[in-house]
């Protein structure tokens, strides 16, 4: 049963958040936490907090163990842009886009070897 956690309207550009998200994609939760703790990017503590939220959802709502979870998918989508204007020479103005991100983490359980053997015997 997949477990989701979402963060919307994060004030970091999606391209910068994806760099951190790519580091932990398809990794076990414990390993992903260690990677995020030592990553020196502005998005790393934010994604770590979201990951901890997803783990708490899995524990409390679905009675899953933290050691059996892995990051099935992590999506970083573009959110709304705040538009600002910068005055330039000769009465012109340049647009500045302050970009935002939406992050979704989907956790799932690691399928154990014992489970697959019992499934093969049933078939």
C-alpha atoms as a PDB file:
ATOM      1  CA  UNK A   1       0.000   0.000   0.000  1.00  0.00           C
ATOM      2  CA  UNK A   2       1.726   3.235  -1.114  1.00  0.00           C
ATOM      3  CA  UNK A   3       1.946   6.088   1.374  1.00  0.00           C
ATOM      4  CA  UNK A   4       1.972   9.702   0.183  1.00  0.00           C
ATOM      5  CA  UNK A   5       3.145  13.020   1.579  1.00  0.00           C
ATOM      6  CA  UNK A   6       2.942  16.325  -0.272  1.00  0.00           C
ATOM      7  CA  UNK A   7       4.541  19.721   0.079  1.00  0.00           C
ATOM      8  CA  UNK A   8       3.121  22.552  -1.956  1.00  0.00           C
ATOM      9  CA  UNK A   9       4.375  26.048  -2.820  1.00  0.00           C
ATOM     10  CA  UNK A  10       7.977  25.614  -1.675  1.00  0.00           C
ATOM     11  CA  UNK A  11       9.870  28.806  -2.536  1.00  0.00           C
ATOM     12  CA  UNK A  12      12.779  27.038  -4.283  1.00  0.00           C
ATOM     13  CA  UNK A  13      12.983  26.542  -8.046  1.00  0.00           C
ATOM     14  CA  UNK A  14      12.008  23.008  -9.166  1.00  0.00           C
ATOM     15  CA  UNK A  15      15.277  22.506 -11.041  1.00  0.00           C
ATOM     16  CA  UNK A  16      17.234  22.959  -7.814  1.00  0.00           C
ATOM     17  CA  UNK A  17      14.936  20.672  -5.816  1.00  0.00           C
ATOM     18  CA  UNK A  18      15.179  17.919  -8.459  1.00  0.00           C
ATOM     19  CA  UNK A  19      18.962  17.781  -7.946  1.00  0.00           C
ATOM     20  CA  UNK A  20      18.383  16.676  -4.337  1.00  0.00           C
ATOM     21  CA  UNK A  21      15.410  14.451  -5.204  1.00  0.00           C
ATOM     22  CA  UNK A  22      17.508  12.515  -7.725  1.00  0.00           C
ATOM     23  CA  UNK A  23      19.939  11.545  -4.949  1.00  0.00           C
ATOM     24  CA  UNK A  24      17.333   9.611  -2.957  1.00  0.00           C
ATOM     25  CA  UNK A  25      15.025   8.202  -5.620  1.00  0.00           C
ATOM     26  CA  UNK A  26      14.395   4.395  -5.245  1.00  0.00           C
ATOM     27  CA  UNK A  27      16.480   4.194  -2.034  1.00  0.00           C
ATOM     28  CA  UNK A  28      15.499   2.725   1.358  1.00  0.00           C
ATOM     29  CA  UNK A  29      14.244   5.343   3.822  1.00  0.00           C
ATOM     30  CA  UNK A  30      17.130   4.900   6.280  1.00  0.00           C
ATOM     31  CA  UNK A  31      19.711   5.395   3.538  1.00  0.00           C
ATOM     32  CA  UNK A  32      17.825   8.379   2.114  1.00  0.00           C
ATOM     33  CA  UNK A  33      17.775  10.063   5.536  1.00  0.00           C
ATOM     34  CA  UNK A  34      21.557   9.731   5.827  1.00  0.00           C
ATOM     35  CA  UNK A  35      22.060  11.168   2.346  1.00  0.00           C
ATOM     36  CA  UNK A  36      19.809  14.148   3.078  1.00  0.00           C
ATOM     37  CA  UNK A  37      21.463  14.901   6.432  1.00  0.00           C
ATOM     38  CA  UNK A  38      24.843  15.363   4.749  1.00  0.00           C
ATOM     39  CA  UNK A  39      23.717  17.069   1.532  1.00  0.00           C
ATOM     40  CA  UNK A  40      24.663  20.738   1.408  1.00  0.00           C
ATOM     41  CA  UNK A  41      21.734  22.098  -0.606  1.00  0.00           C
ATOM     42  CA  UNK A  42      18.929  24.386   0.529  1.00  0.00           C
ATOM     43  CA  UNK A  43      16.272  21.830  -0.473  1.00  0.00           C
ATOM     44  CA  UNK A  44      17.801  18.949   1.548  1.00  0.00           C
ATOM     45  CA  UNK A  45      16.369  19.791   5.010  1.00  0.00           C
ATOM     46  CA  UNK A  46      12.964  20.488   3.468  1.00  0.00           C
ATOM     47  CA  UNK A  47      12.862  17.114   1.695  1.00  0.00           C
ATOM     48  CA  UNK A  48      14.100  15.399   4.878  1.00  0.00           C
ATOM     49  CA  UNK A  49      11.209  16.932   6.822  1.00  0.00           C
ATOM     50  CA  UNK A  50       8.753  15.769   4.143  1.00  0.00           C
ATOM     51  CA  UNK A  51      10.288  12.270   4.192  1.00  0.00           C
ATOM     52  CA  UNK A  52       9.880  12.106   7.982  1.00  0.00           C
ATOM     53  CA  UNK A  53       6.253  13.150   7.551  1.00  0.00           C
ATOM     54  CA  UNK A  54       5.672  10.344   5.032  1.00  0.00           C
ATOM     55  CA  UNK A  55       7.295   7.818   7.405  1.00  0.00           C
ATOM     56  CA  UNK A  56       5.057   9.023  10.245  1.00  0.00           C
ATOM     57  CA  UNK A  57       2.012   8.593   7.968  1.00  0.00           C
ATOM     58  CA  UNK A  58       3.115   5.029   7.192  1.00  0.00           C
ATOM     59  CA  UNK A  59       3.667   4.164  10.871  1.00  0.00           C
ATOM     60  CA  UNK A  60       0.511   5.690  12.313  1.00  0.00           C
ATOM     61  CA  UNK A  61      -2.002   5.132   9.521  1.00  0.00           C
ATOM     62  CA  UNK A  62      -0.839   1.836   7.984  1.00  0.00           C
ATOM     63  CA  UNK A  63       1.241   0.196  10.777  1.00  0.00           C
ATOM     64  CA  UNK A  64       4.326  -0.153   8.562  1.00  0.00           C
ATOM     65  CA  UNK A  65       7.900  -0.469   9.829  1.00  0.00           C
ATOM     66  CA  UNK A  66      10.401   2.258   8.950  1.00  0.00           C
ATOM     67  CA  UNK A  67      13.095  -0.324   8.066  1.00  0.00           C
ATOM     68  CA  UNK A  68      10.837  -1.931   5.419  1.00  0.00           C
ATOM     69  CA  UNK A  69      10.066   1.294   3.541  1.00  0.00           C
ATOM     70  CA  UNK A  70      11.680   2.655   0.392  1.00  0.00           C
ATOM     71  CA  UNK A  71      11.038   5.696  -1.770  1.00  0.00           C
ATOM     72  CA  UNK A  72       8.990   4.397  -4.675  1.00  0.00           C
ATOM     73  CA  UNK A  73       8.562   7.787  -6.366  1.00  0.00           C
ATOM     74  CA  UNK A  74       9.525  11.358  -5.650  1.00  0.00           C
ATOM     75  CA  UNK A  75       8.007  13.988  -7.907  1.00  0.00           C
ATOM     76  CA  UNK A  76       9.015  17.635  -8.141  1.00  0.00           C
ATOM     77  CA  UNK A  77       6.530  19.722 -10.102  1.00  0.00           C
ATOM     78  CA  UNK A  78       6.442  23.396 -10.889  1.00  0.00           C
ATOM     79  CA  UNK A  79       4.180  25.554  -8.742  1.00  0.00           C
ATOM     80  CA  UNK A  80       2.863  29.057  -9.384  1.00  0.00           C
ATOM     81  CA  UNK A  81       5.367  31.780 -10.224  1.00  0.00           C
ATOM     82  CA  UNK A  82       5.452  35.107  -8.445  1.00  0.00           C
ATOM     83  CA  UNK A  83       6.157  37.827 -10.979  1.00  0.00           C
ATOM     84  CA  UNK A  84       8.166  40.908 -10.046  1.00  0.00           C
ATOM     85  CA  UNK A  85       9.527  43.752 -12.165  1.00  0.00           C
ATOM     86  CA  UNK A  86      13.033  45.201 -12.223  1.00  0.00           C
ATOM     87  CA  UNK A  87      13.471  48.727 -13.623  1.00  0.00           C
ATOM     88  CA  UNK A  88      15.996  49.005 -16.466  1.00  0.00           C
ATOM     89  CA  UNK A  89      17.439  51.789 -18.546  1.00  0.00           C
ATOM     90  CA  UNK A  90      15.348  54.007 -20.846  1.00  0.00           C
ATOM     91  CA  UNK A  91      12.055  53.304 -19.075  1.00  0.00           C
ATOM     92  CA  UNK A  92      12.058  49.566 -19.681  1.00  0.00           C
ATOM     93  CA  UNK A  93      11.427  46.826 -17.152  1.00  0.00           C
ATOM     94  CA  UNK A  94      12.534  43.207 -16.938  1.00  0.00           C
ATOM     95  CA  UNK A  95      10.345  40.508 -15.431  1.00  0.00           C
ATOM     96  CA  UNK A  96      11.721  38.441 -12.544  1.00  0.00           C
ATOM     97  CA  UNK A  97      10.016  35.098 -11.959  1.00  0.00           C
ATOM     98  CA  UNK A  98      10.221  33.735  -8.439  1.00  0.00           C
ATOM     99  CA  UNK A  99       9.529  30.056  -8.960  1.00  0.00           C
ATOM    100  CA  UNK A 100       7.901  27.604  -6.550  1.00  0.00           C
ATOM    101  CA  UNK A 101       7.800  23.806  -6.332  1.00  0.00           C
ATOM    102  CA  UNK A 102       5.348  21.076  -5.401  1.00  0.00           C
ATOM    103  CA  UNK A 103       7.005  17.916  -4.000  1.00  0.00           C
ATOM    104  CA  UNK A 104       5.293  14.530  -3.634  1.00  0.00           C
ATOM    105  CA  UNK A 105       6.933  11.531  -1.942  1.00  0.00           C
ATOM    106  CA  UNK A 106       5.422   8.053  -2.338  1.00  0.00           C
ATOM    107  CA  UNK A 107       6.723   5.325  -0.025  1.00  0.00           C
ATOM    108  CA  UNK A 108       6.114   1.609  -0.352  1.00  0.00           C
ATOM    109  CA  UNK A 109       7.172  -1.547   1.478  1.00  0.00           C
ATOM    110  CA  UNK A 110      10.125  -3.636   0.366  1.00  0.00           C
ATOM    111  CA  UNK A 111       8.913  -7.053  -0.735  1.00  0.00           C
ATOM    112  CA  UNK A 112      10.680  -9.670   1.401  1.00  0.00           C
ATOM    113  CA  UNK A 113      12.170 -12.897   0.094  1.00  0.00           C
ATOM    114  CA  UNK A 114       9.951 -14.944   2.400  1.00  0.00           C
ATOM    115  CA  UNK A 115       6.833 -13.364   0.945  1.00  0.00           C
ATOM    116  CA  UNK A 116       7.822 -14.132  -2.640  1.00  0.00           C
ATOM    117  CA  UNK A 117       8.551 -17.792  -1.809  1.00  0.00           C
ATOM    118  CA  UNK A 118       5.126 -18.269  -0.244  1.00  0.00           C
ATOM    119  CA  UNK A 119       3.489 -16.619  -3.227  1.00  0.00           C
ATOM    120  CA  UNK A 120       5.294 -18.985  -5.611  1.00  0.00           C
ATOM    121  CA  UNK A 121       4.136 -22.028  -3.641  1.00  0.00           C
ATOM    122  CA  UNK A 122       0.511 -20.885  -3.858  1.00  0.00           C
ATOM    123  CA  UNK A 123       0.711 -20.617  -7.645  1.00  0.00           C
END
